[in-house]
N, C-alpha and C. Protein backbone atom coordinates (compact mmCIF):
# COMPACT_ATOMS: atom_id res chain seq x y z
N MET A 1 -74.70 -34.45 -180.78
CA MET A 1 -73.75 -34.36 -181.70
C MET A 1 -73.00 -35.34 -181.60
N VAL A 2 -73.45 -36.52 -183.06
CA VAL A 2 -73.09 -37.80 -182.91
C VAL A 2 -72.14 -37.27 -184.23
N LEU A 3 -70.51 -37.24 -184.01
CA LEU A 3 -69.71 -36.68 -184.43
C LEU A 3 -68.45 -37.47 -184.40
N ASP A 4 -67.47 -37.92 -185.33
CA ASP A 4 -66.19 -38.25 -185.04
C ASP A 4 -64.98 -36.80 -184.56
N ARG A 5 -64.19 -38.02 -184.41
CA ARG A 5 -62.92 -36.36 -183.40
C ARG A 5 -62.58 -35.49 -184.75
N THR A 6 -63.28 -34.71 -185.85
CA THR A 6 -62.27 -34.02 -186.53
C THR A 6 -62.78 -32.54 -186.32
N LYS A 7 -62.03 -31.55 -187.37
CA LYS A 7 -62.37 -30.20 -186.87
C LYS A 7 -63.97 -30.03 -186.93
N GLU A 8 -64.90 -30.85 -187.68
CA GLU A 8 -66.14 -30.48 -187.44
C GLU A 8 -67.13 -30.48 -186.41
N ILE A 9 -66.85 -31.43 -185.29
CA ILE A 9 -66.91 -31.15 -184.51
C ILE A 9 -66.35 -29.92 -182.96
N PHE A 10 -65.30 -29.62 -183.25
CA PHE A 10 -64.81 -28.21 -183.46
C PHE A 10 -66.01 -26.96 -183.35
N ILE A 11 -66.32 -27.07 -184.76
CA ILE A 11 -66.78 -25.82 -185.35
C ILE A 11 -68.53 -26.62 -184.61
N ALA A 12 -68.94 -27.62 -184.73
CA ALA A 12 -70.32 -27.59 -183.86
C ALA A 12 -70.39 -27.16 -182.98
N GLU A 13 -69.39 -27.60 -182.34
CA GLU A 13 -69.30 -27.06 -180.25
C GLU A 13 -69.14 -25.43 -180.33
N HIS A 14 -68.33 -24.57 -181.03
CA HIS A 14 -68.39 -23.95 -181.13
C HIS A 14 -69.53 -23.14 -181.54
N ALA A 15 -70.35 -23.31 -182.47
CA ALA A 15 -71.26 -22.75 -183.17
C ALA A 15 -72.97 -23.11 -182.06
N ILE A 16 -73.27 -24.19 -181.51
CA ILE A 16 -73.70 -24.38 -180.53
C ILE A 16 -72.99 -23.35 -179.15
N LEU A 17 -72.36 -23.30 -178.67
CA LEU A 17 -72.53 -22.20 -177.54
C LEU A 17 -72.20 -21.02 -177.77
N LYS A 18 -71.91 -20.44 -179.36
CA LYS A 18 -72.16 -18.94 -180.04
C LYS A 18 -73.74 -18.89 -179.91
N ALA A 19 -74.32 -19.54 -179.75
CA ALA A 19 -76.11 -19.56 -179.42
C ALA A 19 -76.74 -19.49 -178.68
N GLY A 20 -75.75 -19.81 -178.11
CA GLY A 20 -76.75 -20.03 -175.99
C GLY A 20 -77.24 -21.16 -175.96
N GLY A 21 -76.89 -22.40 -176.82
CA GLY A 21 -76.91 -23.46 -176.71
C GLY A 21 -76.30 -24.60 -175.68
N ALA A 22 -76.63 -25.44 -175.41
CA ALA A 22 -75.48 -26.79 -174.77
C ALA A 22 -75.85 -27.68 -175.97
N PHE A 23 -74.49 -28.32 -176.25
CA PHE A 23 -73.99 -29.88 -176.91
C PHE A 23 -74.01 -31.32 -176.13
N LEU A 24 -74.06 -31.73 -176.45
CA LEU A 24 -73.77 -33.45 -176.01
C LEU A 24 -73.27 -34.27 -176.66
N PRO A 25 -71.82 -34.54 -176.48
CA PRO A 25 -70.94 -35.49 -177.74
C PRO A 25 -71.16 -36.63 -177.36
N ILE A 26 -71.51 -37.37 -179.14
CA ILE A 26 -72.13 -38.66 -178.13
C ILE A 26 -70.31 -39.44 -179.04
N VAL A 27 -70.26 -40.61 -179.30
CA VAL A 27 -69.12 -41.30 -180.05
C VAL A 27 -70.09 -41.58 -181.25
N PRO A 28 -69.47 -41.65 -182.47
CA PRO A 28 -70.90 -42.43 -183.64
C PRO A 28 -70.84 -44.46 -183.51
N GLU A 29 -69.89 -44.93 -182.47
CA GLU A 29 -69.03 -45.84 -182.65
C GLU A 29 -70.21 -46.40 -181.92
N TYR A 30 -70.87 -45.64 -181.19
CA TYR A 30 -71.41 -45.83 -179.66
C TYR A 30 -72.77 -47.12 -180.39
N PRO A 31 -73.15 -48.22 -179.95
CA PRO A 31 -74.90 -48.66 -180.46
C PRO A 31 -76.09 -47.91 -180.58
N ASP A 32 -76.83 -48.16 -181.40
CA ASP A 32 -77.62 -47.17 -181.88
C ASP A 32 -78.47 -47.10 -180.37
N GLU A 33 -78.60 -47.97 -179.68
CA GLU A 33 -79.46 -47.97 -178.73
C GLU A 33 -79.24 -47.01 -177.45
N ARG A 34 -77.75 -47.23 -177.00
CA ARG A 34 -77.31 -45.98 -176.73
C ARG A 34 -77.30 -44.62 -176.74
N ILE A 35 -77.18 -44.42 -178.14
CA ILE A 35 -77.41 -43.44 -178.47
C ILE A 35 -78.31 -42.59 -178.44
N THR A 36 -79.67 -43.53 -178.51
CA THR A 36 -80.90 -43.13 -178.63
C THR A 36 -81.70 -42.69 -176.98
N TYR A 37 -80.83 -43.45 -176.27
CA TYR A 37 -80.86 -43.69 -174.66
C TYR A 37 -80.66 -42.06 -174.11
N CYS A 38 -78.93 -41.64 -174.96
CA CYS A 38 -78.65 -40.68 -174.37
C CYS A 38 -79.36 -39.22 -174.72
N LEU A 39 -80.00 -39.14 -176.66
CA LEU A 39 -80.48 -38.21 -176.83
C LEU A 39 -81.64 -38.19 -176.11
N ASP A 40 -82.53 -39.04 -175.86
CA ASP A 40 -83.71 -38.95 -175.01
C ASP A 40 -83.76 -38.52 -173.63
N ASP A 41 -83.09 -39.26 -172.75
CA ASP A 41 -82.82 -38.96 -172.00
C ASP A 41 -82.46 -37.47 -171.02
N ALA A 42 -81.31 -36.78 -172.26
CA ALA A 42 -80.94 -35.44 -172.27
C ALA A 42 -81.88 -34.27 -172.62
N GLU A 43 -83.50 -35.14 -173.37
CA GLU A 43 -84.71 -34.54 -174.08
C GLU A 43 -84.07 -33.55 -175.15
N SER A 44 -82.85 -34.17 -176.00
CA SER A 44 -82.04 -33.28 -177.22
C SER A 44 -83.15 -33.31 -178.33
N PRO A 45 -83.18 -31.70 -178.19
CA PRO A 45 -84.22 -31.06 -179.15
C PRO A 45 -84.01 -31.80 -180.76
N CYS A 46 -82.49 -31.82 -181.38
CA CYS A 46 -81.66 -32.00 -182.55
C CYS A 46 -80.43 -32.57 -182.30
N VAL A 47 -79.87 -33.13 -183.59
CA VAL A 47 -78.99 -33.81 -182.79
C VAL A 47 -77.88 -33.70 -184.17
N ILE A 48 -76.63 -33.25 -184.56
CA ILE A 48 -75.68 -32.58 -185.25
C ILE A 48 -75.09 -33.99 -185.87
N THR A 49 -74.72 -33.98 -186.84
CA THR A 49 -74.24 -35.62 -187.46
C THR A 49 -73.61 -34.81 -189.06
N THR A 50 -72.90 -36.02 -189.69
CA THR A 50 -72.66 -35.67 -191.19
C THR A 50 -73.22 -36.60 -191.46
N GLU A 51 -73.36 -36.03 -193.82
CA GLU A 51 -74.32 -36.65 -194.15
C GLU A 51 -73.59 -38.46 -194.01
N ALA A 52 -72.38 -38.46 -194.21
CA ALA A 52 -71.91 -39.58 -193.88
C ALA A 52 -72.18 -40.54 -192.71
N ILE A 53 -72.22 -40.30 -191.43
CA ILE A 53 -72.99 -40.93 -190.34
C ILE A 53 -74.20 -41.34 -190.83
N LYS A 54 -75.23 -40.01 -190.81
CA LYS A 54 -76.39 -40.10 -191.26
C LYS A 54 -76.55 -41.64 -192.25
N ALA A 55 -75.91 -41.20 -193.18
CA ALA A 55 -76.74 -42.49 -194.40
C ALA A 55 -75.95 -44.10 -193.95
N GLY A 56 -75.34 -43.93 -193.08
CA GLY A 56 -74.72 -45.06 -192.96
C GLY A 56 -75.57 -45.64 -191.15
N ARG A 57 -76.31 -44.82 -190.27
CA ARG A 57 -76.93 -45.31 -189.72
C ARG A 57 -78.19 -44.56 -190.04
N PRO A 58 -79.22 -45.14 -190.84
CA PRO A 58 -81.11 -45.00 -191.33
C PRO A 58 -81.85 -44.78 -190.48
N GLU A 59 -81.79 -45.84 -189.30
CA GLU A 59 -82.23 -46.36 -188.28
C GLU A 59 -82.46 -45.42 -187.20
N LEU A 60 -81.63 -44.53 -187.30
CA LEU A 60 -81.00 -43.94 -185.80
C LEU A 60 -81.15 -42.44 -186.02
N PHE A 61 -81.25 -42.59 -187.33
CA PHE A 61 -81.35 -40.86 -187.96
C PHE A 61 -82.86 -40.80 -188.47
N SER A 62 -83.73 -41.47 -188.25
CA SER A 62 -85.09 -41.52 -189.07
C SER A 62 -86.22 -40.44 -188.61
N GLU A 63 -87.15 -40.43 -188.67
CA GLU A 63 -87.96 -39.04 -188.52
C GLU A 63 -88.73 -39.95 -187.57
N SER A 64 -88.82 -41.32 -187.20
CA SER A 64 -89.80 -41.56 -186.15
C SER A 64 -89.18 -41.36 -184.53
N HIS A 65 -87.66 -40.49 -184.44
CA HIS A 65 -87.38 -40.16 -183.35
C HIS A 65 -87.74 -38.58 -183.02
N ALA A 66 -88.06 -38.45 -181.64
CA ALA A 66 -88.36 -37.03 -181.12
C ALA A 66 -86.97 -35.66 -181.45
N TYR A 67 -85.89 -36.44 -181.82
CA TYR A 67 -85.32 -35.29 -182.00
C TYR A 67 -84.87 -35.10 -183.50
N LYS A 68 -84.80 -33.42 -183.77
CA LYS A 68 -84.54 -33.41 -185.63
C LYS A 68 -82.98 -33.87 -185.73
N THR A 69 -83.02 -33.83 -187.60
CA THR A 69 -81.44 -34.52 -187.37
C THR A 69 -80.72 -33.53 -188.34
N LEU A 70 -79.88 -32.92 -187.98
CA LEU A 70 -79.24 -32.07 -188.92
C LEU A 70 -77.66 -32.08 -189.16
N THR A 71 -77.21 -32.01 -190.50
CA THR A 71 -75.98 -32.29 -190.91
C THR A 71 -74.84 -31.41 -191.08
N VAL A 72 -73.92 -31.15 -190.76
CA VAL A 72 -73.09 -30.30 -190.42
C VAL A 72 -73.01 -29.95 -191.86
N GLU A 73 -72.88 -30.45 -193.17
CA GLU A 73 -73.04 -30.01 -194.51
C GLU A 73 -74.07 -29.21 -194.90
N GLU A 74 -75.07 -29.42 -194.40
CA GLU A 74 -76.24 -28.12 -194.34
C GLU A 74 -76.37 -26.96 -193.17
N LEU A 75 -75.64 -27.22 -192.15
CA LEU A 75 -75.10 -25.89 -191.44
C LEU A 75 -74.56 -25.18 -192.22
N ILE A 76 -73.09 -25.84 -192.49
CA ILE A 76 -72.20 -24.92 -193.22
C ILE A 76 -72.93 -24.17 -194.78
N ARG A 77 -73.77 -24.89 -195.48
CA ARG A 77 -74.81 -24.45 -196.38
C ARG A 77 -75.27 -22.94 -196.17
N ASN A 78 -75.83 -23.78 -194.95
CA ASN A 78 -76.87 -22.35 -194.77
C ASN A 78 -76.41 -21.44 -193.81
N ASP A 79 -75.23 -21.32 -193.40
CA ASP A 79 -74.71 -20.51 -192.47
C ASP A 79 -74.39 -18.49 -192.50
N GLY A 80 -75.17 -18.40 -191.97
CA GLY A 80 -75.22 -17.12 -191.38
C GLY A 80 -73.78 -16.16 -191.36
N GLU A 81 -73.45 -15.19 -191.57
CA GLU A 81 -72.08 -14.08 -191.21
C GLU A 81 -72.22 -13.66 -190.30
N GLU A 82 -73.42 -13.28 -189.96
CA GLU A 82 -73.38 -12.46 -188.72
C GLU A 82 -73.41 -12.86 -187.20
N ASN A 83 -73.15 -12.59 -186.29
CA ASN A 83 -72.67 -12.87 -184.76
C ASN A 83 -74.32 -12.72 -184.44
N LEU A 84 -74.89 -13.43 -183.73
CA LEU A 84 -76.18 -13.38 -182.84
C LEU A 84 -76.10 -12.62 -181.72
N ASP A 85 -77.45 -11.71 -181.70
CA ASP A 85 -77.09 -10.68 -180.28
C ASP A 85 -77.38 -11.53 -179.27
N LEU A 86 -76.99 -12.15 -178.11
CA LEU A 86 -77.23 -13.08 -177.57
C LEU A 86 -76.76 -12.47 -176.11
N ALA A 87 -76.96 -12.62 -174.83
CA ALA A 87 -76.48 -12.85 -173.50
C ALA A 87 -76.46 -13.64 -173.31
N ILE A 88 -75.38 -14.67 -172.96
CA ILE A 88 -75.17 -15.88 -172.41
C ILE A 88 -75.19 -15.85 -171.11
N GLU A 89 -76.11 -16.66 -170.37
CA GLU A 89 -75.87 -16.94 -168.32
C GLU A 89 -74.94 -17.51 -168.41
N THR A 90 -73.91 -17.10 -167.06
CA THR A 90 -72.54 -17.93 -166.84
C THR A 90 -73.28 -19.23 -165.97
N ASP A 91 -74.19 -19.41 -165.92
CA ASP A 91 -74.81 -20.06 -164.90
C ASP A 91 -75.75 -21.28 -166.15
N GLY A 92 -75.61 -21.18 -167.32
CA GLY A 92 -76.59 -21.85 -168.12
C GLY A 92 -75.61 -22.93 -168.71
N LEU A 93 -76.10 -23.99 -168.93
CA LEU A 93 -76.05 -25.61 -169.36
C LEU A 93 -74.58 -25.18 -170.70
N ALA A 94 -73.79 -25.87 -171.01
CA ALA A 94 -72.49 -25.37 -172.10
C ALA A 94 -72.83 -26.95 -172.81
N TYR A 95 -72.69 -27.96 -171.96
CA TYR A 95 -72.67 -29.01 -172.48
C TYR A 95 -72.99 -30.38 -171.47
N CYS A 96 -73.42 -31.66 -171.34
CA CYS A 96 -73.59 -32.80 -170.93
C CYS A 96 -72.93 -33.67 -171.66
N ILE A 97 -71.89 -34.53 -171.01
CA ILE A 97 -71.59 -35.61 -171.10
C ILE A 97 -72.20 -37.11 -170.29
N TYR A 98 -72.59 -37.90 -170.66
CA TYR A 98 -72.97 -39.61 -170.28
C TYR A 98 -71.45 -39.94 -169.72
N THR A 99 -71.62 -40.80 -168.15
CA THR A 99 -70.28 -41.72 -167.77
C THR A 99 -70.80 -43.36 -168.48
N SER A 100 -69.53 -43.40 -168.37
CA SER A 100 -69.56 -45.21 -169.06
C SER A 100 -70.83 -46.06 -168.97
N GLY A 101 -71.60 -45.56 -167.60
CA GLY A 101 -72.91 -47.10 -167.71
C GLY A 101 -72.28 -47.73 -166.49
N SER A 102 -71.58 -47.77 -165.67
CA SER A 102 -71.37 -49.06 -164.74
C SER A 102 -72.31 -49.67 -164.06
N THR A 103 -73.60 -48.74 -163.95
CA THR A 103 -74.73 -49.26 -163.16
C THR A 103 -75.82 -50.16 -164.21
N GLY A 104 -75.58 -49.68 -165.11
CA GLY A 104 -76.49 -50.55 -166.49
C GLY A 104 -76.86 -49.26 -167.29
N LYS A 105 -77.27 -48.01 -166.65
CA LYS A 105 -77.39 -46.84 -167.82
C LYS A 105 -76.62 -45.49 -167.76
N PRO A 106 -76.15 -45.26 -168.67
CA PRO A 106 -75.65 -44.30 -168.84
C PRO A 106 -75.90 -42.86 -167.87
N LYS A 107 -74.89 -42.27 -167.06
CA LYS A 107 -76.04 -41.02 -165.85
C LYS A 107 -75.37 -39.69 -167.12
N GLY A 108 -75.93 -38.69 -166.97
CA GLY A 108 -75.10 -37.47 -167.27
C GLY A 108 -74.98 -36.21 -166.58
N VAL A 109 -73.73 -35.94 -167.00
CA VAL A 109 -72.88 -34.76 -166.28
C VAL A 109 -73.05 -33.46 -166.58
N MET A 110 -73.96 -32.24 -166.32
CA MET A 110 -74.01 -31.03 -166.84
C MET A 110 -72.91 -30.03 -166.50
N ILE A 111 -72.56 -29.83 -167.38
CA ILE A 111 -71.11 -28.26 -167.06
C ILE A 111 -72.00 -27.11 -167.55
N GLU A 112 -71.69 -25.99 -166.61
CA GLU A 112 -72.60 -24.62 -166.87
C GLU A 112 -71.09 -24.15 -167.87
N HIS A 113 -71.44 -22.72 -168.14
CA HIS A 113 -71.18 -22.10 -168.30
C HIS A 113 -69.32 -22.01 -167.89
N HIS A 114 -69.78 -21.26 -166.91
CA HIS A 114 -68.82 -20.81 -166.09
C HIS A 114 -67.54 -22.20 -165.65
N ASN A 115 -68.30 -22.96 -165.18
CA ASN A 115 -66.57 -24.13 -165.04
C ASN A 115 -66.33 -24.01 -166.62
N MET A 116 -66.81 -24.34 -167.30
CA MET A 116 -66.11 -24.15 -168.61
C MET A 116 -65.08 -23.28 -168.67
N CYS A 117 -65.10 -21.68 -168.41
CA CYS A 117 -64.92 -20.83 -168.91
C CYS A 117 -63.43 -20.55 -167.63
N ASN A 118 -63.45 -21.51 -166.88
CA ASN A 118 -62.91 -21.36 -165.74
C ASN A 118 -61.52 -21.99 -166.02
N TYR A 119 -62.68 -23.47 -166.74
CA TYR A 119 -61.32 -24.54 -167.13
C TYR A 119 -60.63 -23.76 -168.46
N LEU A 120 -61.33 -23.53 -168.93
CA LEU A 120 -60.28 -22.60 -170.50
C LEU A 120 -59.29 -21.49 -170.15
N ASN A 121 -59.91 -20.38 -169.17
CA ASN A 121 -58.64 -19.79 -168.66
C ASN A 121 -57.39 -20.26 -167.63
N ALA A 122 -58.01 -21.16 -167.53
CA ALA A 122 -56.97 -21.80 -166.57
C ALA A 122 -55.45 -22.84 -167.16
N ASN A 123 -55.74 -22.94 -168.08
CA ASN A 123 -55.13 -23.81 -169.07
C ASN A 123 -54.82 -23.21 -170.27
N PRO A 124 -53.71 -22.60 -170.11
CA PRO A 124 -53.15 -21.61 -171.24
C PRO A 124 -52.70 -22.41 -172.72
N MET A 125 -52.78 -23.39 -172.62
CA MET A 125 -52.40 -24.55 -173.56
C MET A 125 -53.93 -23.95 -174.55
N HIS A 126 -54.94 -24.27 -174.02
CA HIS A 126 -56.52 -24.57 -174.82
C HIS A 126 -57.06 -23.61 -175.05
N PRO A 127 -56.75 -23.23 -176.93
CA PRO A 127 -57.62 -22.01 -177.08
C PRO A 127 -58.77 -21.32 -176.98
N ALA A 128 -59.23 -20.39 -176.43
CA ALA A 128 -60.55 -20.02 -175.81
C ALA A 128 -61.23 -19.98 -176.75
N ILE A 129 -62.71 -20.24 -176.40
CA ILE A 129 -63.46 -20.04 -177.36
C ILE A 129 -64.78 -19.06 -177.16
N TYR A 130 -64.43 -18.94 -176.14
CA TYR A 130 -65.16 -17.27 -175.72
C TYR A 130 -65.00 -16.02 -175.66
């Protein structure tokens, strides 16, 4: 997901995790080449962004890429209210973050659900999302 640090990023993360998916947070200010590299390297099937970010970066979100682009606004318009009937495995991928790339290419670090639960349970100030 290519989102600014707003309420939309929390909503998108929560929705992805509830759906049993994994997210890859990407800062919108990164150059197109870095964003494309991270999405391609992670083999991301889709990217979530806002209509404003998408409109400002037409080449990054064109149909020529392997990933599908969804906007937060589209997801909110098409949102269902029912919970999904899913059993999420604790060793499943929750999210991936990329390092700064000091060697020239950023490296992905994968975090599983049980590691995220351990963090949330150990941090009483963090709102649990499970």
